[in-house]
Amino acid sequence: TKKEQADMGKLKKSVRGLVVVHPMTALGREMGLQEMTGFSKTAF
C-alpha cells in the first residue's frame, strides 16, 4: 500500500544501510521468506 511504501521510505532513511528483502525477489525466495522483512548491518 502507499502507506507501507511511505513507511519503508522513512525506515530506509532512518536506518542507513538497511537492506529490505522482499519475498518476491530471487533473494527472498532463496531465503524461503513468507513475508516482507529486512535487515541492517547496524542495530535498529
PDB file of N, CA and C in Angstrom:
ATOM      1  N   THR A   1       0.842  -1.206   0.000  1.00  0.00           N
ATOM      2  CA  THR A   1       0.000   0.000   0.000  1.00  0.00           C
ATOM      3  C   THR A   1       0.873   1.249   0.000  1.00  0.00           C
ATOM      4  N   LYS A   2       0.253   2.373  -0.272  1.00  0.00           N
ATOM      5  CA  LYS A   2       1.009   3.625  -0.295  1.00  0.00           C
ATOM      6  C   LYS A   2       1.582   3.941   1.077  1.00  0.00           C
ATOM      7  N   LYS A   3       0.782   3.688   2.116  1.00  0.00           N
ATOM      8  CA  LYS A   3       1.244   3.976   3.471  1.00  0.00           C
ATOM      9  C   LYS A   3       2.462   3.120   3.809  1.00  0.00           C
ATOM     10  N   GLU A   4       2.405   1.859   3.440  1.00  0.00           N
ATOM     11  CA  GLU A   4       3.528   0.958   3.701  1.00  0.00           C
ATOM     12  C   GLU A   4       4.775   1.431   2.961  1.00  0.00           C
ATOM     13  N   GLN A   5       4.586   1.843   1.706  1.00  0.00           N
ATOM     14  CA  GLN A   5       5.718   2.317   0.923  1.00  0.00           C
ATOM     15  C   GLN A   5       6.324   3.569   1.551  1.00  0.00           C
ATOM     16  N   ALA A   6       5.467   4.441   2.084  1.00  0.00           N
ATOM     17  CA  ALA A   6       5.949   5.648   2.741  1.00  0.00           C
ATOM     18  C   ALA A   6       6.735   5.265   3.992  1.00  0.00           C
ATOM     19  N   ASP A   7       6.210   4.281   4.732  1.00  0.00           N
ATOM     20  CA  ASP A   7       6.895   3.819   5.936  1.00  0.00           C
ATOM     21  C   ASP A   7       8.251   3.218   5.573  1.00  0.00           C
ATOM     22  N   MET A   8       8.299   2.466   4.481  1.00  0.00           N
ATOM     23  CA  MET A   8       9.559   1.862   4.045  1.00  0.00           C
ATOM     24  C   MET A   8      10.563   2.954   3.710  1.00  0.00           C
ATOM     25  N   GLY A   9      10.084   4.012   3.055  1.00  0.00           N
ATOM     26  CA  GLY A   9      10.956   5.123   2.713  1.00  0.00           C
ATOM     27  C   GLY A   9      11.526   5.772   3.959  1.00  0.00           C
ATOM     28  N   LYS A  10      10.668   5.992   4.959  1.00  0.00           N
ATOM     29  CA  LYS A  10      11.122   6.582   6.218  1.00  0.00           C
ATOM     30  C   LYS A  10      12.114   5.654   6.902  1.00  0.00           C
ATOM     31  N   LEU A  11      11.808   4.356   6.876  1.00  0.00           N
ATOM     32  CA  LEU A  11      12.665   3.376   7.528  1.00  0.00           C
ATOM     33  C   LEU A  11      14.041   3.348   6.869  1.00  0.00           C
ATOM     34  N   LYS A  12      14.053   3.367   5.537  1.00  0.00           N
ATOM     35  CA  LYS A  12      15.324   3.350   4.816  1.00  0.00           C
ATOM     36  C   LYS A  12      16.144   4.588   5.142  1.00  0.00           C
ATOM     37  N   LYS A  13      15.458   5.736   5.289  1.00  0.00           N
ATOM     38  CA  LYS A  13      16.177   6.966   5.596  1.00  0.00           C
ATOM     39  C   LYS A  13      16.697   6.952   7.026  1.00  0.00           C
ATOM     40  N   SER A  14      15.879   6.402   7.946  1.00  0.00           N
ATOM     41  CA  SER A  14      16.264   6.433   9.352  1.00  0.00           C
ATOM     42  C   SER A  14      17.308   5.374   9.675  1.00  0.00           C
ATOM     43  N   VAL A  15      17.279   4.262   8.953  1.00  0.00           N
ATOM     44  CA  VAL A  15      18.265   3.205   9.192  1.00  0.00           C
ATOM     45  C   VAL A  15      19.172   3.115   7.981  1.00  0.00           C
ATOM     46  N   ARG A  16      20.340   3.734   8.088  1.00  0.00           N
ATOM     47  CA  ARG A  16      21.273   3.739   6.967  1.00  0.00           C
ATOM     48  C   ARG A  16      21.826   2.336   6.751  1.00  0.00           C
ATOM     49  N   GLY A  17      21.904   1.939   5.493  1.00  0.00           N
ATOM     50  CA  GLY A  17      22.438   0.622   5.189  1.00  0.00           C
ATOM     51  C   GLY A  17      21.413  -0.486   5.356  1.00  0.00           C
ATOM     52  N   LEU A  18      20.156  -0.093   5.497  1.00  0.00           N
ATOM     53  CA  LEU A  18      19.100  -1.093   5.642  1.00  0.00           C
ATOM     54  C   LEU A  18      18.892  -1.822   4.318  1.00  0.00           C
ATOM     55  N   VAL A  19      18.805  -3.127   4.401  1.00  0.00           N
ATOM     56  CA  VAL A  19      18.535  -3.919   3.209  1.00  0.00           C
ATOM     57  C   VAL A  19      17.152  -4.514   3.362  1.00  0.00           C
ATOM     58  N   VAL A  20      16.261  -4.128   2.472  1.00  0.00           N
ATOM     59  CA  VAL A  20      14.906  -4.656   2.536  1.00  0.00           C
ATOM     60  C   VAL A  20      14.820  -5.868   1.624  1.00  0.00           C
ATOM     61  N   VAL A  21      14.411  -6.983   2.206  1.00  0.00           N
ATOM     62  CA  VAL A  21      14.308  -8.214   1.430  1.00  0.00           C
ATOM     63  C   VAL A  21      12.840  -8.504   1.176  1.00  0.00           C
ATOM     64  N   HIS A  22      12.464  -8.512  -0.080  1.00  0.00           N
ATOM     65  CA  HIS A  22      11.077  -8.793  -0.419  1.00  0.00           C
ATOM     66  C   HIS A  22      10.963 -10.246  -0.858  1.00  0.00           C
ATOM     67  N   PRO A  23       9.955 -10.951  -0.364  1.00  0.00           N
ATOM     68  CA  PRO A  23       9.806 -12.379  -0.680  1.00  0.00           C
ATOM     69  C   PRO A  23       9.625 -12.684  -2.166  1.00  0.00           C
ATOM     70  N   MET A  24       9.223 -11.675  -2.957  1.00  0.00           N
ATOM     71  CA  MET A  24       9.006 -11.917  -4.380  1.00  0.00           C
ATOM     72  C   MET A  24      10.317 -11.913  -5.168  1.00  0.00           C
ATOM     73  N   THR A  25      11.373 -11.402  -4.560  1.00  0.00           N
ATOM     74  CA  THR A  25      12.656 -11.349  -5.248  1.00  0.00           C
ATOM     75  C   THR A  25      13.343 -12.699  -5.161  1.00  0.00           C
ATOM     76  N   ALA A  26      14.340 -12.904  -6.006  1.00  0.00           N
ATOM     77  CA  ALA A  26      15.084 -14.166  -6.004  1.00  0.00           C
ATOM     78  C   ALA A  26      15.713 -14.401  -4.630  1.00  0.00           C
ATOM     79  N   LEU A  27      16.272 -13.346  -4.044  1.00  0.00           N
ATOM     80  CA  LEU A  27      16.893 -13.471  -2.725  1.00  0.00           C
ATOM     81  C   LEU A  27      15.869 -13.892  -1.685  1.00  0.00           C
ATOM     82  N   GLY A  28      14.699 -13.281  -1.756  1.00  0.00           N
ATOM     83  CA  GLY A  28      13.645 -13.619  -0.800  1.00  0.00           C
ATOM     84  C   GLY A  28      13.221 -15.075  -0.911  1.00  0.00           C
ATOM     85  N   ARG A  29      13.064 -15.530  -2.145  1.00  0.00           N
ATOM     86  CA  ARG A  29      12.680 -16.935  -2.343  1.00  0.00           C
ATOM     87  C   ARG A  29      13.791 -17.860  -1.867  1.00  0.00           C
ATOM     88  N   GLU A  30      15.020 -17.445  -2.109  1.00  0.00           N
ATOM     89  CA  GLU A  30      16.169 -18.243  -1.708  1.00  0.00           C
ATOM     90  C   GLU A  30      16.184 -18.434  -0.192  1.00  0.00           C
ATOM     91  N   MET A  31      15.807 -17.374   0.518  1.00  0.00           N
ATOM     92  CA  MET A  31      15.794 -17.420   1.978  1.00  0.00           C
ATOM     93  C   MET A  31      14.501 -18.051   2.500  1.00  0.00           C
ATOM     94  N   GLY A  32      13.585 -18.352   1.590  1.00  0.00           N
ATOM     95  CA  GLY A  32      12.341 -19.008   1.987  1.00  0.00           C
ATOM     96  C   GLY A  32      11.425 -18.108   2.786  1.00  0.00           C
ATOM     97  N   LEU A  33      11.413 -16.825   2.447  1.00  0.00           N
ATOM     98  CA  LEU A  33      10.604 -15.875   3.208  1.00  0.00           C
ATOM     99  C   LEU A  33       9.130 -15.963   2.827  1.00  0.00           C
ATOM    100  N   GLN A  34       8.291 -15.819   3.818  1.00  0.00           N
ATOM    101  CA  GLN A  34       6.850 -15.817   3.585  1.00  0.00           C
ATOM    102  C   GLN A  34       6.307 -14.388   3.632  1.00  0.00           C
ATOM    103  N   GLU A  35       7.036 -13.484   4.254  1.00  0.00           N
ATOM    104  CA  GLU A  35       6.571 -12.106   4.351  1.00  0.00           C
ATOM    105  C   GLU A  35       7.741 -11.163   4.093  1.00  0.00           C
ATOM    106  N   MET A  36       7.419  -9.898   4.011  1.00  0.00           N
ATOM    107  CA  MET A  36       8.439  -8.899   3.769  1.00  0.00           C
ATOM    108  C   MET A  36       9.254  -8.697   5.029  1.00  0.00           C
ATOM    109  N   THR A  37      10.557  -8.627   4.884  1.00  0.00           N
ATOM    110  CA  THR A  37      11.415  -8.425   6.040  1.00  0.00           C
ATOM    111  C   THR A  37      12.595  -7.571   5.621  1.00  0.00           C
ATOM    112  N   GLY A  38      13.482  -7.319   6.554  1.00  0.00           N
ATOM    113  CA  GLY A  38      14.650  -6.524   6.245  1.00  0.00           C
ATOM    114  C   GLY A  38      15.712  -6.747   7.293  1.00  0.00           C
ATOM    115  N   PHE A  39      16.926  -6.378   6.949  1.00  0.00           N
ATOM    116  CA  PHE A  39      17.988  -6.483   7.927  1.00  0.00           C
ATOM    117  C   PHE A  39      18.976  -5.364   7.670  1.00  0.00           C
ATOM    118  N   SER A  40      19.805  -5.078   8.658  1.00  0.00           N
ATOM    119  CA  SER A  40      20.732  -3.982   8.548  1.00  0.00           C
ATOM    120  C   SER A  40      22.027  -4.355   9.248  1.00  0.00           C
ATOM    121  N   LYS A  41      23.121  -3.797   8.765  1.00  0.00           N
ATOM    122  CA  LYS A  41      24.408  -4.054   9.405  1.00  0.00           C
ATOM    123  C   LYS A  41      24.477  -3.397  10.775  1.00  0.00           C
ATOM    124  N   THR A  42      23.721  -2.300  10.913  1.00  0.00           N
ATOM    125  CA  THR A  42      23.715  -1.602  12.197  1.00  0.00           C
ATOM    126  C   THR A  42      22.468  -1.970  12.982  1.00  0.00           C
ATOM    127  N   ALA A  43      22.545  -1.848  14.284  1.00  0.00           N
ATOM    128  CA  ALA A  43      21.388  -2.147  15.128  1.00  0.00           C
ATOM    129  C   ALA A  43      20.321  -1.090  14.915  1.00  0.00           C
ATOM    130  N   PHE A  44      19.063  -1.465  15.069  1.00  0.00           N
ATOM    131  CA  PHE A  44      17.964  -0.521  14.887  1.00  0.00           C
ATOM    132  C   PHE A  44      17.907   0.430  16.071  1.00  0.00           C
TER     133      PHE A  44
END
